[in-house]
PDB file of N, CA and C in Angstrom:
ATOM      1  N   MET A   1      13.036   4.291  23.866  1.00  0.00           N
ATOM      2  CA  MET A   1      12.561   4.286  22.710  1.00  0.00           C
ATOM      3  C   MET A   1      11.622   6.041  22.316  1.00  0.00           C
ATOM      4  N   GLU A   2      11.682   6.954  23.790  1.00  0.00           N
ATOM      5  CA  GLU A   2      11.208   8.003  23.860  1.00  0.00           C
ATOM      6  C   GLU A   2      11.936   8.877  22.651  1.00  0.00           C
ATOM      7  N   GLN A   3      13.028   8.682  22.762  1.00  0.00           N
ATOM      8  CA  GLN A   3      14.033   9.860  21.963  1.00  0.00           C
ATOM      9  C   GLN A   3      13.660   9.102  20.621  1.00  0.00           C
ATOM     10  N   ASP A   4      13.166   8.247  20.074  1.00  0.00           N
ATOM     11  CA  ASP A   4      12.824   7.620  18.566  1.00  0.00           C
ATOM     12  C   ASP A   4      11.425   8.268  18.264  1.00  0.00           C
ATOM     13  N   ILE A   5      11.091   9.053  18.987  1.00  0.00           N
ATOM     14  CA  ILE A   5       9.608   9.221  18.706  1.00  0.00           C
ATOM     15  C   ILE A   5       9.513  10.202  17.185  1.00  0.00           C
ATOM     16  N   LEU A   6      10.402  10.661  17.299  1.00  0.00           N
ATOM     17  CA  LEU A   6      10.142  11.539  16.076  1.00  0.00           C
ATOM     18  C   LEU A   6      10.732  10.466  14.546  1.00  0.00           C
ATOM     19  N   THR A   7      11.680   9.437  14.724  1.00  0.00           N
ATOM     20  CA  THR A   7      11.985   8.848  14.088  1.00  0.00           C
ATOM     21  C   THR A   7      10.852   7.992  13.290  1.00  0.00           C
ATOM     22  N   LEU A   8       9.810   7.536  14.914  1.00  0.00           N
ATOM     23  CA  LEU A   8       8.713   6.579  14.329  1.00  0.00           C
ATOM     24  C   LEU A   8       7.921   7.361  13.546  1.00  0.00           C
ATOM     25  N   ALA A   9       7.488   8.198  14.187  1.00  0.00           N
ATOM     26  CA  ALA A   9       6.266   9.194  13.447  1.00  0.00           C
ATOM     27  C   ALA A   9       6.605   9.528  12.236  1.00  0.00           C
ATOM     28  N   ALA A  10       7.771   9.626  11.828  1.00  0.00           N
ATOM     29  CA  ALA A  10       8.113  10.062   9.935  1.00  0.00           C
ATOM     30  C   ALA A  10       7.933   8.281   9.291  1.00  0.00           C
ATOM     31  N   LEU A  11       8.399   7.518   9.959  1.00  0.00           N
ATOM     32  CA  LEU A  11       8.148   5.998   9.466  1.00  0.00           C
ATOM     33  C   LEU A  11       6.665   5.705   9.310  1.00  0.00           C
ATOM     34  N   VAL A  12       6.098   6.572  10.463  1.00  0.00           N
ATOM     35  CA  VAL A  12       4.866   5.700  10.615  1.00  0.00           C
ATOM     36  C   VAL A  12       3.996   6.839   8.981  1.00  0.00           C
ATOM     37  N   ALA A  13       4.271   7.402   8.889  1.00  0.00           N
ATOM     38  CA  ALA A  13       4.258   9.059   8.000  1.00  0.00           C
ATOM     39  C   ALA A  13       4.409   7.885   6.758  1.00  0.00           C
ATOM     40  N   ALA A  14       5.254   7.731   6.426  1.00  0.00           N
ATOM     41  CA  ALA A  14       6.423   7.254   5.446  1.00  0.00           C
ATOM     42  C   ALA A  14       5.333   6.022   4.776  1.00  0.00           C
ATOM     43  N   PHE A  15       4.890   5.371   5.733  1.00  0.00           N
ATOM     44  CA  PHE A  15       4.296   3.986   5.857  1.00  0.00           C
ATOM     45  C   PHE A  15       2.286   4.469   5.001  1.00  0.00           C
ATOM     46  N   VAL A  16       2.065   5.378   5.722  1.00  0.00           N
ATOM     47  CA  VAL A  16       0.655   6.100   5.597  1.00  0.00           C
ATOM     48  C   VAL A  16       0.495   6.233   3.657  1.00  0.00           C
ATOM     49  N   GLY A  17       2.002   6.993   3.388  1.00  0.00           N
ATOM     50  CA  GLY A  17       2.052   7.603   1.968  1.00  0.00           C
ATOM     51  C   GLY A  17       2.018   6.354   1.036  1.00  0.00           C
ATOM     52  N   VAL A  18       3.082   5.217   1.394  1.00  0.00           N
ATOM     53  CA  VAL A  18       2.733   4.270   0.426  1.00  0.00           C
ATOM     54  C   VAL A  18       2.043   3.582   0.120  1.00  0.00           C
ATOM     55  N   ALA A  19       0.706   3.297   1.360  1.00  0.00           N
ATOM     56  CA  ALA A  19      -0.350   2.934   1.394  1.00  0.00           C
ATOM     57  C   ALA A  19      -1.642   3.677   0.639  1.00  0.00           C
ATOM     58  N   LYS A  20      -1.418   5.213   0.863  1.00  0.00           N
ATOM     59  CA  LYS A  20      -1.933   6.065  -0.388  1.00  0.00           C
ATOM     60  C   LYS A  20      -1.852   6.063  -1.463  1.00  0.00           C
ATOM     61  N   ALA A  21      -0.582   5.473  -1.896  1.00  0.00           N
ATOM     62  CA  ALA A  21       0.102   5.568  -3.272  1.00  0.00           C
ATOM     63  C   ALA A  21      -0.711   4.154  -3.875  1.00  0.00           C
ATOM     64  N   TYR A  22      -0.597   3.547  -3.547  1.00  0.00           N
ATOM     65  CA  TYR A  22      -1.260   1.798  -3.734  1.00  0.00           C
ATOM     66  C   TYR A  22      -3.289   1.932  -3.694  1.00  0.00           C
ATOM     67  N   GLY A  23      -3.666   3.643  -3.438  1.00  0.00           N
ATOM     68  CA  GLY A  23      -5.064   3.453  -3.772  1.00  0.00           C
ATOM     69  C   GLY A  23      -5.943   3.578  -2.307  1.00  0.00           C
ATOM     70  N   VAL A  24      -5.174   3.124  -1.936  1.00  0.00           N
ATOM     71  CA  VAL A  24      -5.659   3.368  -0.445  1.00  0.00           C
ATOM     72  C   VAL A  24      -6.526   4.749  -0.008  1.00  0.00           C
ATOM     73  N   LYS A  25      -7.681   4.679   0.416  1.00  0.00           N
ATOM     74  CA  LYS A  25      -8.717   6.088   0.222  1.00  0.00           C
ATOM     75  C   LYS A  25      -8.174   6.708   1.616  1.00  0.00           C
ATOM     76  N   ALA A  26      -7.840   7.639   1.754  1.00  0.00           N
ATOM     77  CA  ALA A  26      -7.618   9.286   2.444  1.00  0.00           C
ATOM     78  C   ALA A  26      -7.878   9.344   3.764  1.00  0.00           C
ATOM     79  N   LYS A  27      -9.066   8.761   3.755  1.00  0.00           N
ATOM     80  CA  LYS A  27     -10.141   8.476   4.595  1.00  0.00           C
ATOM     81  C   LYS A  27      -9.453   7.865   5.780  1.00  0.00           C
ATOM     82  N   HIS A  28      -8.747   6.957   5.474  1.00  0.00           N
ATOM     83  CA  HIS A  28      -8.399   5.482   6.160  1.00  0.00           C
ATOM     84  C   HIS A  28      -6.969   5.877   6.459  1.00  0.00           C
ATOM     85  N   SER A  29      -6.406   6.771   6.186  1.00  0.00           N
ATOM     86  CA  SER A  29      -4.710   6.995   6.910  1.00  0.00           C
ATOM     87  C   SER A  29      -4.787   7.430   8.491  1.00  0.00           C
ATOM     88  N   SER A  30      -5.617   7.523   9.164  1.00  0.00           N
ATOM     89  CA  SER A  30      -5.602   7.407  10.698  1.00  0.00           C
ATOM     90  C   SER A  30      -5.363   6.082  11.083  1.00  0.00           C
ATOM     91  N   ALA A  31      -6.025   5.265  10.264  1.00  0.00           N
ATOM     92  CA  ALA A  31      -6.279   4.001  11.196  1.00  0.00           C
ATOM     93  C   ALA A  31      -5.322   3.108  10.558  1.00  0.00           C
ATOM     94  N   ILE A  32      -4.822   3.602   9.353  1.00  0.00           N
ATOM     95  CA  ILE A  32      -3.202   3.025   8.966  1.00  0.00           C
ATOM     96  C   ILE A  32      -2.116   3.460  10.057  1.00  0.00           C
ATOM     97  N   ALA A  33      -2.345   4.727  10.188  1.00  0.00           N
ATOM     98  CA  ALA A  33      -1.193   5.075  10.820  1.00  0.00           C
ATOM     99  C   ALA A  33      -1.341   4.027  12.668  1.00  0.00           C
ATOM    100  N   LEU A  34      -2.381   4.579  12.759  1.00  0.00           N
ATOM    101  CA  LEU A  34      -2.572   3.679  14.454  1.00  0.00           C
ATOM    102  C   LEU A  34      -2.067   2.279  14.248  1.00  0.00           C
ATOM    103  N   ALA A  35      -2.449   1.574  13.421  1.00  0.00           N
ATOM    104  CA  ALA A  35      -2.404   0.280  13.158  1.00  0.00           C
ATOM    105  C   ALA A  35      -0.851  -0.109  12.790  1.00  0.00           C
ATOM    106  N   VAL A  36       0.087   0.898  12.072  1.00  0.00           N
ATOM    107  CA  VAL A  36       1.395   0.786  12.200  1.00  0.00           C
ATOM    108  C   VAL A  36       2.160   0.905  12.926  1.00  0.00           C
ATOM    109  N   ALA A  37       1.745   2.385  14.066  1.00  0.00           N
ATOM    110  CA  ALA A  37       2.503   2.634  15.225  1.00  0.00           C
ATOM    111  C   ALA A  37       2.165   1.651  16.371  1.00  0.00           C
ATOM    112  N   THR A  38       1.200   0.879  16.209  1.00  0.00           N
ATOM    113  CA  THR A  38       0.632   0.029  17.578  1.00  0.00           C
ATOM    114  C   THR A  38       1.581  -1.066  16.829  1.00  0.00           C
ATOM    115  N   VAL A  39       1.680  -1.691  15.968  1.00  0.00           N
ATOM    116  CA  VAL A  39       2.935  -2.717  16.093  1.00  0.00           C
ATOM    117  C   VAL A  39       3.783  -2.519  16.092  1.00  0.00           C
ATOM    118  N   ILE A  40       4.660  -1.464  15.976  1.00  0.00           N
ATOM    119  CA  ILE A  40       5.880  -0.772  16.103  1.00  0.00           C
ATOM    120  C   ILE A  40       6.052  -1.220  17.514  1.00  0.00           C
ATOM    121  N   VAL A  41       5.154  -0.189  18.250  1.00  0.00           N
ATOM    122  CA  VAL A  41       5.307  -0.160  19.661  1.00  0.00           C
ATOM    123  C   VAL A  41       5.463  -1.513  20.741  1.00  0.00           C
ATOM    124  N   LEU A  42       4.342  -2.394  20.032  1.00  0.00           N
ATOM    125  CA  LEU A  42       3.967  -3.456  21.117  1.00  0.00           C
ATOM    126  C   LEU A  42       4.885  -4.619  20.997  1.00  0.00           C
ATOM    127  N   VAL A  43       5.299  -4.484  19.657  1.00  0.00           N
ATOM    128  CA  VAL A  43       6.551  -5.290  19.338  1.00  0.00           C
ATOM    129  C   VAL A  43       7.608  -5.421  20.266  1.00  0.00           C
ATOM    130  N   PRO A  44       8.366  -6.814  20.469  1.00  0.00           N
ATOM    131  CA  PRO A  44       9.531  -6.746  21.782  1.00  0.00           C
ATOM    132  C   PRO A  44      10.704  -5.586  21.131  1.00  0.00           C
ATOM    133  N   ALA A  45      11.597  -5.002  21.586  1.00  0.00           N
ATOM    134  CA  ALA A  45      12.339  -4.288  21.508  1.00  0.00           C
ATOM    135  C   ALA A  45      13.617  -4.728  20.629  1.00  0.00           C
ATOM    136  N   GLU A  46      13.874  -6.032  20.721  1.00  0.00           N
ATOM    137  CA  GLU A  46      14.863  -6.112  19.550  1.00  0.00           C
ATOM    138  C   GLU A  46      14.126  -6.443  18.207  1.00  0.00           C
ATOM    139  N   VAL A  47      12.751  -6.693  18.090  1.00  0.00           N
ATOM    140  CA  VAL A  47      11.891  -7.020  16.571  1.00  0.00           C
ATOM    141  C   VAL A  47      11.666  -5.356  16.317  1.00  0.00           C
ATOM    142  N   ARG A  48      11.238  -4.610  17.329  1.00  0.00           N
ATOM    143  CA  ARG A  48      11.226  -3.269  17.127  1.00  0.00           C
ATOM    144  C   ARG A  48      12.129  -2.733  16.202  1.00  0.00           C
ATOM    145  N   ASP A  49      13.392  -2.887  16.860  1.00  0.00           N
ATOM    146  CA  ASP A  49      14.809  -2.030  15.979  1.00  0.00           C
ATOM    147  C   ASP A  49      14.934  -3.167  14.574  1.00  0.00           C
ATOM    148  N   LYS A  50      14.851  -4.035  14.624  1.00  0.00           N
ATOM    149  CA  LYS A  50      14.739  -4.543  13.507  1.00  0.00           C
ATOM    150  C   LYS A  50      14.042  -3.979  12.349  1.00  0.00           C
ATOM    151  N   ILE A  51      12.173  -4.025  12.698  1.00  0.00           N
ATOM    152  CA  ILE A  51      11.324  -3.441  12.028  1.00  0.00           C
ATOM    153  C   ILE A  51      11.806  -1.707  11.650  1.00  0.00           C
ATOM    154  N   ILE A  52      12.712  -1.145  12.617  1.00  0.00           N
ATOM    155  CA  ILE A  52      13.358   0.190  12.159  1.00  0.00           C
ATOM    156  C   ILE A  52      13.963  -0.064  11.607  1.00  0.00           C
ATOM    157  N   LEU A  53      15.052  -0.356  11.273  1.00  0.00           N
ATOM    158  CA  LEU A  53      16.067  -0.974  10.618  1.00  0.00           C
ATOM    159  C   LEU A  53      15.795  -0.986   9.324  1.00  0.00           C
ATOM    160  N   ILE A  54      14.602  -2.197   9.066  1.00  0.00           N
ATOM    161  CA  ILE A  54      14.371  -2.812   7.528  1.00  0.00           C
ATOM    162  C   ILE A  54      13.193  -1.146   6.842  1.00  0.00           C
ATOM    163  N   SER A  55      12.823  -0.555   7.997  1.00  0.00           N
ATOM    164  CA  SER A  55      11.935   0.277   7.088  1.00  0.00           C
ATOM    165  C   SER A  55      12.356   1.275   6.608  1.00  0.00           C
ATOM    166  N   THR A  56      13.938   1.705   7.571  1.00  0.00           N
ATOM    167  CA  THR A  56      14.412   2.834   6.844  1.00  0.00           C
ATOM    168  C   THR A  56      15.164   2.768   5.662  1.00  0.00           C
ATOM    169  N   ILE A  57      15.776   1.736   5.906  1.00  0.00           N
ATOM    170  CA  ILE A  57      16.159   1.340   4.634  1.00  0.00           C
ATOM    171  C   ILE A  57      15.892   1.169   3.318  1.00  0.00           C
ATOM    172  N   GLY A  58      14.588   0.555   3.596  1.00  0.00           N
ATOM    173  CA  GLY A  58      13.244   0.189   2.300  1.00  0.00           C
ATOM    174  C   GLY A  58      12.658   1.540   1.932  1.00  0.00           C
ATOM    175  N   LEU A  59      12.424   2.241   3.059  1.00  0.00           N
ATOM    176  CA  LEU A  59      12.028   3.667   2.379  1.00  0.00           C
ATOM    177  C   LEU A  59      12.291   4.194   1.810  1.00  0.00           C
ATOM    178  N   THR A  60      13.760   4.334   2.471  1.00  0.00           N
ATOM    179  CA  THR A  60      14.886   5.594   2.086  1.00  0.00           C
ATOM    180  C   THR A  60      15.324   5.252   0.604  1.00  0.00           C
ATOM    181  N   ALA A  61      15.669   3.680   0.585  1.00  0.00           N
ATOM    182  CA  ALA A  61      15.811   3.138  -1.405  1.00  0.00           C
ATOM    183  C   ALA A  61      14.735   3.385  -1.780  1.00  0.00           C
ATOM    184  N   SER A  62      13.828   3.195  -1.855  1.00  0.00           N
ATOM    185  CA  SER A  62      12.495   3.257  -2.752  1.00  0.00           C
ATOM    186  C   SER A  62      12.412   4.676  -3.121  1.00  0.00           C
ATOM    187  N   GLY A  63      12.060   5.962  -1.825  1.00  0.00           N
ATOM    188  CA  GLY A  63      12.455   7.205  -2.522  1.00  0.00           C
ATOM    189  C   GLY A  63      13.171   7.427  -3.182  1.00  0.00           C
ATOM    190  N   ALA A  64      14.375   7.147  -2.960  1.00  0.00           N
ATOM    191  CA  ALA A  64      15.743   7.269  -4.161  1.00  0.00           C
ATOM    192  C   ALA A  64      15.798   6.574  -5.336  1.00  0.00           C
ATOM    193  N   TYR A  65      15.127   5.766  -5.417  1.00  0.00           N
ATOM    194  CA  TYR A  65      14.972   5.135  -6.654  1.00  0.00           C
ATOM    195  C   TYR A  65      13.830   5.851  -7.396  1.00  0.00           C
ATOM    196  N   SER A  66      12.926   6.422  -6.961  1.00  0.00           N
ATOM    197  CA  SER A  66      11.574   7.205  -7.548  1.00  0.00           C
ATOM    198  C   SER A  66      12.227   8.547  -7.880  1.00  0.00           C
ATOM    199  N   TYR A  67      13.194   9.419  -7.459  1.00  0.00           N
ATOM    200  CA  TYR A  67      13.444  10.531  -7.471  1.00  0.00           C
ATOM    201  C   TYR A  67      14.629  10.060  -8.387  1.00  0.00           C
ATOM    202  N   VAL A  68      15.187   9.462  -8.519  1.00  0.00           N
ATOM    203  CA  VAL A  68      16.605   9.038  -9.809  1.00  0.00           C
ATOM    204  C   VAL A  68      15.321   8.467 -11.272  1.00  0.00           C
ATOM    205  N   LYS A  69      14.719   7.376 -10.856  1.00  0.00           N
ATOM    206  CA  LYS A  69      13.756   7.068 -12.161  1.00  0.00           C
ATOM    207  C   LYS A  69      13.147   8.339 -12.810  1.00  0.00           C
ATOM    208  N   LYS A  70      12.825   9.394 -11.994  1.00  0.00           N
ATOM    209  CA  LYS A  70      11.809  10.369 -12.766  1.00  0.00           C
ATOM    210  C   LYS A  70      12.758  11.412 -13.369  1.00  0.00           C
ATOM    211  N   ARG A  71      14.295  11.232 -13.048  1.00  0.00           N
ATOM    212  CA  ARG A  71      15.252  12.271 -13.101  1.00  0.00           C
ATOM    213  C   ARG A  71      15.798  11.661 -14.906  1.00  0.00           C
ATOM    214  N   GLU A  72      15.599  10.460 -14.826  1.00  0.00           N
ATOM    215  CA  GLU A  72      16.130   9.828 -16.222  1.00  0.00           C
ATOM    216  C   GLU A  72      14.914   9.474 -17.273  1.00  0.00           C
ATOM    217  N   ASP A  73      14.296   9.773 -16.880  1.00  0.00           N
ATOM    218  CA  ASP A  73      12.803   9.905 -17.719  1.00  0.00           C
ATOM    219  C   ASP A  73      12.381  11.064 -18.247  1.00  0.00           C
ATOM    220  N   GLY A  74      13.106  12.686 -17.820  1.00  0.00           N
ATOM    221  CA  GLY A  74      13.389  13.477 -18.123  1.00  0.00           C
ATOM    222  C   GLY A  74      12.135  14.266 -17.345  1.00  0.00           C
ATOM    223  N   GLY A  75      11.936  13.720 -15.917  1.00  0.00           N
ATOM    224  CA  GLY A  75      10.855  14.687 -15.128  1.00  0.00           C
ATOM    225  C   GLY A  75      11.663  15.783 -14.235  1.00  0.00           C
ATOM    226  N   ASN A  76      10.842  16.463 -13.603  1.00  0.00           N
ATOM    227  CA  ASN A  76      11.649  17.610 -12.927  1.00  0.00           C
ATOM    228  C   ASN A  76      12.045  16.943 -11.464  1.00  0.00           C
ATOM    229  N   GLY A  77      11.493  15.612 -11.102  1.00  0.00           N
ATOM    230  CA  GLY A  77      11.744  15.636  -9.514  1.00  0.00           C
ATOM    231  C   GLY A  77      10.810  15.545  -9.258  1.00  0.00           C
TER     232      GLY A  77
END
């Protein structure tokens, strides 16, 4: 898992960004980051691998969709 620390940090940051987009106040960002990181680290390795896979696919797809949607609407991206 040590080699995945950067990947996990990016996923945790993405989840915090999603929470902020839903209106969670910035002062709660650290608590959300710790909670997400705790779940990812403490679950069994098989479950963690699935969480990472699902998160990577889901967050990448939603980010790609947001970017494409803005371009279709005539936005700058």
